[in-house]
C-alpha atoms as a PDB file:
ATOM      1  CA  MET A   1       0.000   0.000   0.000  1.00  0.00           C
ATOM      2  CA  ASN A   2       1.553   3.316  -1.002  1.00  0.00           C
ATOM      3  CA  GLU A   3       1.939   6.334   1.263  1.00  0.00           C
ATOM      4  CA  ASN A   4      -0.802   8.374  -0.410  1.00  0.00           C
ATOM      5  CA  ARG A   5      -3.342   5.595   0.051  1.00  0.00           C
ATOM      6  CA  THR A   6      -2.455   5.270   3.741  1.00  0.00           C
ATOM      7  CA  ILE A   7      -3.061   8.972   4.268  1.00  0.00           C
ATOM      8  CA  LYS A   8      -6.423   8.825   2.521  1.00  0.00           C
ATOM      9  CA  LEU A   9      -7.604   5.823   4.525  1.00  0.00           C
ATOM     10  CA  VAL A  10      -6.814   7.592   7.809  1.00  0.00           C
ATOM     11  CA  GLU A  11      -9.014  10.535   6.856  1.00  0.00           C
ATOM     12  CA  ILE A  12     -12.282   8.717   7.491  1.00  0.00           C
ATOM     13  CA  PRO A  13     -15.226  11.137   7.628  1.00  0.00           C
ATOM     14  CA  ILE A  14     -17.337   8.908   9.901  1.00  0.00           C
ATOM     15  CA  GLY A  15     -16.582   6.659  12.837  1.00  0.00           C
ATOM     16  CA  GLY A  16     -17.522   3.234  14.163  1.00  0.00           C
ATOM     17  CA  LYS A  17     -18.865   0.570  11.832  1.00  0.00           C
ATOM     18  CA  GLY A  18     -19.579   3.182   9.171  1.00  0.00           C
ATOM     19  CA  GLY A  19     -15.913   4.132   9.208  1.00  0.00           C
ATOM     20  CA  PHE A  20     -14.898   0.519   8.643  1.00  0.00           C
ATOM     21  CA  ILE A  21     -17.272   0.244   5.675  1.00  0.00           C
ATOM     22  CA  TRP A  22     -16.068   3.579   4.254  1.00  0.00           C
ATOM     23  CA  ASN A  23     -12.475   2.369   4.564  1.00  0.00           C
ATOM     24  CA  ARG A  24     -13.256  -0.883   2.744  1.00  0.00           C
ATOM     25  CA  LEU A  25     -15.175   0.813  -0.081  1.00  0.00           C
ATOM     26  CA  HIS A  26     -12.568   3.513  -0.515  1.00  0.00           C
ATOM     27  CA  ALA A  27      -9.674   1.010  -0.546  1.00  0.00           C
ATOM     28  CA  GLU A  28     -11.312  -0.981  -3.357  1.00  0.00           C
ATOM     29  CA  ARG A  29     -12.073   2.251  -5.213  1.00  0.00           C
ATOM     30  CA  GLU A  30      -8.404   3.217  -5.183  1.00  0.00           C
ATOM     31  CA  ASP A  31      -7.387  -0.260  -6.365  1.00  0.00           C
ATOM     32  CA  ILE A  32      -9.769   0.025  -9.313  1.00  0.00           C
ATOM     33  CA  CYS A  33      -8.564   3.525 -10.190  1.00  0.00           C
ATOM     34  CA  ASP A  34      -4.996   2.200 -10.221  1.00  0.00           C
ATOM     35  CA  ALA A  35      -6.067  -0.723 -12.425  1.00  0.00           C
ATOM     36  CA  LEU A  36      -7.843   1.624 -14.855  1.00  0.00           C
ATOM     37  CA  ILE A  37      -4.641   3.622 -15.269  1.00  0.00           C
ATOM     38  CA  ARG A  38      -2.578   0.475 -15.947  1.00  0.00           C
ATOM     39  CA  ASP A  39      -5.055  -1.493 -18.081  1.00  0.00           C
ATOM     40  CA  ASN A  40      -5.551  -0.688 -21.755  1.00  0.00           C
ATOM     41  CA  ALA A  41      -8.057  -3.468 -22.550  1.00  0.00           C
ATOM     42  CA  ASP A  42     -11.436  -1.896 -23.382  1.00  0.00           C
ATOM     43  CA  ASP A  43     -13.491  -4.875 -22.174  1.00  0.00           C
ATOM     44  CA  ARG A  44     -11.813  -4.877 -18.759  1.00  0.00           C
ATOM     45  CA  LYS A  45     -12.042  -1.094 -18.487  1.00  0.00           C
ATOM     46  CA  GLU A  46     -15.789  -1.306 -19.001  1.00  0.00           C
ATOM     47  CA  SER A  47     -16.234  -3.791 -16.152  1.00  0.00           C
ATOM     48  CA  LEU A  48     -13.895  -1.829 -13.879  1.00  0.00           C
ATOM     49  CA  GLN A  49     -15.777   1.410 -14.589  1.00  0.00           C
ATOM     50  CA  ALA A  50     -19.079  -0.318 -13.818  1.00  0.00           C
ATOM     51  CA  ARG A  51     -17.698  -1.485 -10.476  1.00  0.00           C
ATOM     52  CA  LEU A  52     -16.362   2.010  -9.784  1.00  0.00           C
ATOM     53  CA  ARG A  53     -19.849   3.466 -10.263  1.00  0.00           C
ATOM     54  CA  LYS A  54     -21.250   0.961  -7.751  1.00  0.00           C
ATOM     55  CA  LEU A  55     -18.578   1.892  -5.233  1.00  0.00           C
ATOM     56  CA  ASP A  56     -19.295   5.612  -5.651  1.00  0.00           C
ATOM     57  CA  ASP A  57     -23.034   5.001  -5.224  1.00  0.00           C
ATOM     58  CA  ALA A  58     -22.369   2.981  -2.051  1.00  0.00           C
ATOM     59  CA  LEU A  59     -20.148   5.752  -0.649  1.00  0.00           C
ATOM     60  CA  ASP A  60     -22.892   8.291  -1.370  1.00  0.00           C
ATOM     61  CA  ARG A  61     -25.456   6.133   0.461  1.00  0.00           C
ATOM     62  CA  LEU A  62     -23.084   5.701   3.380  1.00  0.00           C
ATOM     63  CA  MET A  63     -22.569   9.448   3.749  1.00  0.00           C
ATOM     64  CA  SER A  64     -26.296  10.190   3.384  1.00  0.00           C
ATOM     65  CA  GLY A  65     -27.244   7.632   6.057  1.00  0.00           C
ATOM     66  CA  SER A  66     -29.191   5.314   3.738  1.00  0.00           C
ATOM     67  CA  TYR A  67     -26.506   2.620   3.458  1.00  0.00           C
ATOM     68  CA  GLY A  68     -27.869  -0.853   4.204  1.00  0.00           C
ATOM     69  CA  ASN A  69     -31.389   0.030   3.063  1.00  0.00           C
ATOM     70  CA  CYS A  70     -32.781  -1.104  -0.280  1.00  0.00           C
ATOM     71  CA  SER A  71     -32.745   1.746  -2.808  1.00  0.00           C
ATOM     72  CA  LYS A  72     -35.998   0.475  -4.299  1.00  0.00           C
ATOM     73  CA  CYS A  73     -38.276  -0.549  -1.409  1.00  0.00           C
ATOM     74  CA  GLY A  74     -36.417   0.913   1.593  1.00  0.00           C
ATOM     75  CA  GLY A  75     -36.176  -2.427   3.389  1.00  0.00           C
ATOM     76  CA  SER A  76     -33.042  -3.737   5.052  1.00  0.00           C
ATOM     77  CA  ILE A  77     -30.360  -5.526   3.049  1.00  0.00           C
ATOM     78  CA  ASP A  78     -29.029  -8.719   4.611  1.00  0.00           C
ATOM     79  CA  GLU A  79     -25.796  -7.909   6.502  1.00  0.00           C
ATOM     80  CA  VAL A  80     -24.191 -11.174   5.396  1.00  0.00           C
ATOM     81  CA  LYS A  81     -24.749 -10.189   1.751  1.00  0.00           C
ATOM     82  CA  LEU A  82     -23.315  -6.736   2.439  1.00  0.00           C
ATOM     83  CA  GLY A  83     -20.306  -8.416   4.018  1.00  0.00           C
ATOM     84  CA  ILE A  84     -19.687 -10.269   0.765  1.00  0.00           C
ATOM     85  CA  ASP A  85     -20.362  -7.262  -1.478  1.00  0.00           C
ATOM     86  CA  PRO A  86     -20.565  -3.891   0.324  1.00  0.00           C
ATOM     87  CA  THR A  87     -21.929  -2.144  -2.800  1.00  0.00           C
ATOM     88  CA  LEU A  88     -25.295  -3.912  -2.781  1.00  0.00           C
ATOM     89  CA  ALA A  89     -28.094  -1.397  -3.257  1.00  0.00           C
ATOM     90  CA  LEU A  90     -31.105  -3.741  -3.426  1.00  0.00           C
ATOM     91  CA  CYS A  91     -32.570  -6.310  -1.062  1.00  0.00           C
ATOM     92  CA  ARG A  92     -32.924  -9.923  -2.178  1.00  0.00           C
ATOM     93  CA  ASP A  93     -36.552  -9.573  -3.324  1.00  0.00           C
ATOM     94  CA  CYS A  94     -35.874  -6.434  -5.359  1.00  0.00           C
ATOM     95  CA  ARG A  95     -32.721  -7.944  -6.901  1.00  0.00           C
ATOM     96  CA  THR A  96     -34.777 -10.945  -8.005  1.00  0.00           C
ATOM     97  CA  LEU A  97     -37.230  -8.634  -9.781  1.00  0.00           C
ATOM     98  CA  ASP A  98     -34.691  -6.141 -11.079  1.00  0.00           C
ATOM     99  CA  HIS A  99     -31.611  -8.115 -12.124  1.00  0.00           C
ATOM    100  CA  ASP A 100     -30.685  -9.275 -15.607  1.00  0.00           C
ATOM    101  CA  PRO A 101     -30.420 -13.039 -16.158  1.00  0.00           C
ATOM    102  CA  ILE A 102     -27.407 -14.718 -14.564  1.00  0.00           C
ATOM    103  CA  PRO A 103     -24.358 -14.224 -16.806  1.00  0.00           C
ATOM    104  CA  SER A 104     -22.805 -17.246 -18.496  1.00  0.00           C
ATOM    105  CA  THR A 105     -19.789 -17.152 -16.164  1.00  0.00           C
ATOM    106  CA  LEU A 106     -22.143 -17.982 -13.274  1.00  0.00           C
ATOM    107  CA  ASP A 107     -23.870 -20.926 -14.952  1.00  0.00           C
ATOM    108  CA  GLY A 108     -21.665 -23.239 -12.917  1.00  0.00           C
ATOM    109  CA  PRO A 109     -18.466 -23.151 -10.857  1.00  0.00           C
ATOM    110  CA  ASP A 110     -15.052 -23.524 -12.477  1.00  0.00           C
ATOM    111  CA  VAL A 111     -13.758 -25.324  -9.384  1.00  0.00           C
ATOM    112  CA  VAL A 112     -15.498 -27.206  -6.565  1.00  0.00           C
ATOM    113  CA  LEU A 113     -13.017 -27.631  -3.724  1.00  0.00           C
ATOM    114  CA  GLU A 114     -14.342 -31.013  -2.583  1.00  0.00           C
ATOM    115  CA  THR A 115     -13.598 -32.524  -6.012  1.00  0.00           C
ATOM    116  CA  LEU A 116      -9.897 -31.701  -5.650  1.00  0.00           C
ATOM    117  CA  ASN A 117      -7.188 -33.539  -3.738  1.00  0.00           C
ATOM    118  CA  SER A 118      -4.877 -32.414  -0.973  1.00  0.00           C
ATOM    119  CA  PHE A 119      -1.805 -30.656  -2.389  1.00  0.00           C
ATOM    120  CA  ASP A 120      -3.545 -29.634  -5.606  1.00  0.00           C
ATOM    121  CA  THR A 121      -2.702 -26.033  -6.486  1.00  0.00           C
ATOM    122  CA  ILE A 122      -5.261 -23.465  -7.678  1.00  0.00           C
ATOM    123  CA  LEU A 123      -3.882 -20.597  -9.757  1.00  0.00           C
ATOM    124  CA  LEU A 124      -6.154 -17.542  -9.875  1.00  0.00           C
ATOM    125  CA  ARG A 125      -5.923 -14.427 -11.997  1.00  0.00           C
ATOM    126  CA  THR A 126      -8.211 -11.582 -10.887  1.00  0.00           C
ATOM    127  CA  HIS A 127      -8.725  -8.074 -12.255  1.00  0.00           C
ATOM    128  CA  ASN A 128      -5.990  -6.708 -10.007  1.00  0.00           C
ATOM    129  CA  SER A 129      -3.802  -9.617  -8.837  1.00  0.00           C
ATOM    130  CA  GLU A 130      -2.696 -13.220  -9.095  1.00  0.00           C
ATOM    131  CA  TYR A 131      -3.057 -15.833  -6.340  1.00  0.00           C
ATOM    132  CA  ARG A 132      -1.544 -19.241  -5.722  1.00  0.00           C
ATOM    133  CA  ILE A 133      -3.607 -21.509  -3.455  1.00  0.00           C
ATOM    134  CA  LEU A 134      -2.024 -24.720  -2.188  1.00  0.00           C
ATOM    135  CA  LEU A 135      -4.987 -26.798  -0.991  1.00  0.00           C
ATOM    136  CA  LEU A 136      -4.320 -28.688   2.245  1.00  0.00           C
ATOM    137  CA  ASP A 137      -7.835 -29.950   3.042  1.00  0.00           C
ATOM    138  CA  PRO A 138     -10.451 -29.880   0.234  1.00  0.00           C
ATOM    139  CA  LYS A 139     -13.335 -30.455   2.667  1.00  0.00           C
ATOM    140  CA  THR A 140     -12.632 -27.478   4.920  1.00  0.00           C
ATOM    141  CA  GLY A 141     -10.883 -25.217   2.398  1.00  0.00           C
ATOM    142  CA  ARG A 142      -7.728 -25.024   4.522  1.00  0.00           C
ATOM    143  CA  ALA A 143      -4.877 -23.881   2.319  1.00  0.00           C
ATOM    144  CA  LEU A 144      -1.672 -21.940   1.954  1.00  0.00           C
ATOM    145  CA  VAL A 145      -2.430 -18.782  -0.030  1.00  0.00           C
ATOM    146  CA  GLU A 146      -0.015 -16.363  -1.635  1.00  0.00           C
ATOM    147  CA  GLY A 147      -0.782 -13.301  -3.756  1.00  0.00           C
ATOM    148  CA  GLY A 148      -2.415  -9.893  -3.897  1.00  0.00           C
ATOM    149  CA  ASP A 149      -1.313  -6.907  -1.834  1.00  0.00           C
ATOM    150  CA  TYR A 150      -1.668  -8.583   1.574  1.00  0.00           C
ATOM    151  CA  LEU A 151      -0.487 -12.186   1.187  1.00  0.00           C
ATOM    152  CA  VAL A 152       3.037 -11.523  -0.044  1.00  0.00           C
ATOM    153  CA  GLU A 153       4.230 -14.900   1.244  1.00  0.00           C
ATOM    154  CA  PRO A 154       2.380 -18.218   1.731  1.00  0.00           C
ATOM    155  CA  SER A 155      -0.067 -17.847   4.643  1.00  0.00           C
ATOM    156  CA  GLU A 156      -2.363 -20.436   6.189  1.00  0.00           C
ATOM    157  CA  ALA A 157      -5.956 -19.536   5.344  1.00  0.00           C
ATOM    158  CA  LEU A 158      -9.470 -20.831   4.763  1.00  0.00           C
ATOM    159  CA  VAL A 159     -10.815 -20.602   1.207  1.00  0.00           C
ATOM    160  CA  ARG A 160     -14.547 -20.263   1.802  1.00  0.00           C
ATOM    161  CA  GLY A 161     -16.129 -19.791  -1.628  1.00  0.00           C
ATOM    162  CA  SER A 162     -17.153 -17.083  -4.066  1.00  0.00           C
ATOM    163  CA  ALA A 163     -19.984 -14.782  -5.080  1.00  0.00           C
ATOM    164  CA  ALA A 164     -20.761 -12.137  -7.684  1.00  0.00           C
ATOM    165  CA  SER A 165     -22.431  -8.834  -6.943  1.00  0.00           C
ATOM    166  CA  GLY A 166     -26.129  -9.420  -6.278  1.00  0.00           C
ATOM    167  CA  TYR A 167     -25.918 -13.216  -6.332  1.00  0.00           C
ATOM    168  CA  GLU A 168     -25.924 -15.870  -3.643  1.00  0.00           C
ATOM    169  CA  PHE A 169     -22.658 -16.855  -1.970  1.00  0.00           C
ATOM    170  CA  LYS A 170     -21.463 -20.321  -3.060  1.00  0.00           C
ATOM    171  CA  ALA A 171     -19.503 -22.063  -0.318  1.00  0.00           C
ATOM    172  CA  GLY A 172     -16.670 -24.265  -1.553  1.00  0.00           C
ATOM    173  CA  GLU A 173     -16.956 -23.048  -5.154  1.00  0.00           C
ATOM    174  CA  ILE A 174     -14.738 -20.808  -7.269  1.00  0.00           C
ATOM    175  CA  SER A 175     -16.170 -19.172 -10.420  1.00  0.00           C
ATOM    176  CA  THR A 176     -14.870 -16.680 -12.949  1.00  0.00           C
ATOM    177  CA  GLY A 177     -16.661 -13.359 -12.671  1.00  0.00           C
ATOM    178  CA  CYS A 178     -16.982 -13.807  -8.887  1.00  0.00           C
ATOM    179  CA  ARG A 179     -14.971 -12.586  -5.910  1.00  0.00           C
ATOM    180  CA  LEU A 180     -13.204 -15.205  -3.819  1.00  0.00           C
ATOM    181  CA  GLU A 181     -13.590 -15.001  -0.024  1.00  0.00           C
ATOM    182  CA  ILE A 182     -10.491 -15.999   1.957  1.00  0.00           C
ATOM    183  CA  TRP A 183     -10.175 -15.956   5.756  1.00  0.00           C
ATOM    184  CA  VAL A 184      -6.732 -15.301   7.256  1.00  0.00           C
ATOM    185  CA  GLU A 185      -6.441 -15.150  11.052  1.00  0.00           C
ATOM    186  CA  GLU A 186     -10.195 -14.477  11.451  1.00  0.00           C
ATOM    187  CA  ARG A 187     -10.047 -11.680   8.891  1.00  0.00           C
ATOM    188  CA  ALA A 188     -12.042 -11.904   5.658  1.00  0.00           C
ATOM    189  CA  LEU A 189     -10.312 -10.933   2.423  1.00  0.00           C
ATOM    190  CA  LEU A 190     -12.194 -10.509  -0.847  1.00  0.00           C
ATOM    191  CA  THR A 191     -10.374 -10.640  -4.162  1.00  0.00           C
ATOM    192  CA  SER A 192     -11.297  -8.523  -7.154  1.00  0.00           C
ATOM    193  CA  PRO A 193     -13.433 -10.401  -9.738  1.00  0.00           C
ATOM    194  CA  ILE A 194     -11.804 -13.612 -10.979  1.00  0.00           C
ATOM    195  CA  GLU A 195     -10.757 -13.692 -14.632  1.00  0.00           C
ATOM    196  CA  SER A 196      -9.323 -17.202 -14.866  1.00  0.00           C
ATOM    197  CA  VAL A 197      -8.899 -20.345 -12.754  1.00  0.00           C
ATOM    198  CA  HIS A 198      -6.399 -23.124 -13.371  1.00  0.00           C
ATOM    199  CA  VAL A 199      -5.838 -26.236 -11.251  1.00  0.00           C
ATOM    200  CA  LYS A 200      -2.402 -27.833 -11.095  1.00  0.00           C
ATOM    201  CA  ARG A 201      -2.927 -31.365  -9.828  1.00  0.00           C
ATOM    202  CA  ASN A 202      -0.643 -33.807  -8.032  1.00  0.00           C
ATOM    203  CA  ALA A 203       1.964 -31.224  -7.021  1.00  0.00           C
ATOM    204  CA  GLU A 204       2.744 -33.134  -3.841  1.00  0.00           C
ATOM    205  CA  VAL A 205       6.541 -32.897  -3.945  1.00  0.00           C
ATOM    206  CA  GLU A 206       6.473 -29.167  -4.554  1.00  0.00           C
ATOM    207  CA  SER A 207       3.752 -28.600  -1.966  1.00  0.00           C
ATOM    208  CA  ILE A 208       5.582 -30.337   0.878  1.00  0.00           C
ATOM    209  CA  SER A 209       8.580 -28.027   0.469  1.00  0.00           C
ATOM    210  CA  ASN A 210       6.292 -24.996   0.373  1.00  0.00           C
ATOM    211  CA  ILE A 211       4.491 -26.063   3.545  1.00  0.00           C
ATOM    212  CA  SER A 212       7.808 -26.578   5.329  1.00  0.00           C
ATOM    213  CA  ALA A 213       9.069 -23.172   4.235  1.00  0.00           C
ATOM    214  CA  ALA A 214       5.847 -21.407   5.249  1.00  0.00           C
ATOM    215  CA  LEU A 215       5.408 -22.995   8.661  1.00  0.00           C
ATOM    216  CA  HIS A 216       9.016 -23.024   9.919  1.00  0.00           C
END
């Protein structure tokens, strides 16, 4: 995280839980702005700009005091859903009525953790980063994860599943177009939307050395 970003994140205009949400929204906004400067692909710029608009709308709602309430009916938005995607503007019922059909990338998961074996490696490319996930226990999602701005070296984590904005969280599944939820030391990390998923199977020899290096 660069110095300018640190300064901006300290200058939170509201306190308490609202300050935490503001911090999270603003951090993702800065990541997307950085990606827009670096990325010259028109198709990716379009999706990044769409996400940026959602973040700005969520920040506006937060500052006006309407954050967490459905923009259509005024009802409450499920806090678990907001935890997965803090830009949600509609409750579940209104999203069902208002959303476009599910995109093709969400027709089915690219990876189901329980179908993999211990020591398989999942290679993820997201809008902003790359991740390497060494799966230790396919049933629980326990893994060594490396990548992004925060996991600069292999760290023990729980890979919980993925979700796209406005859609139901899928535990134990990883899908392109979705954000992956990873828990590290009781802290939830959400990746930017996944662009590609590749599984490297039977990497047992390599994985044992990585585990030894990470845990000793």
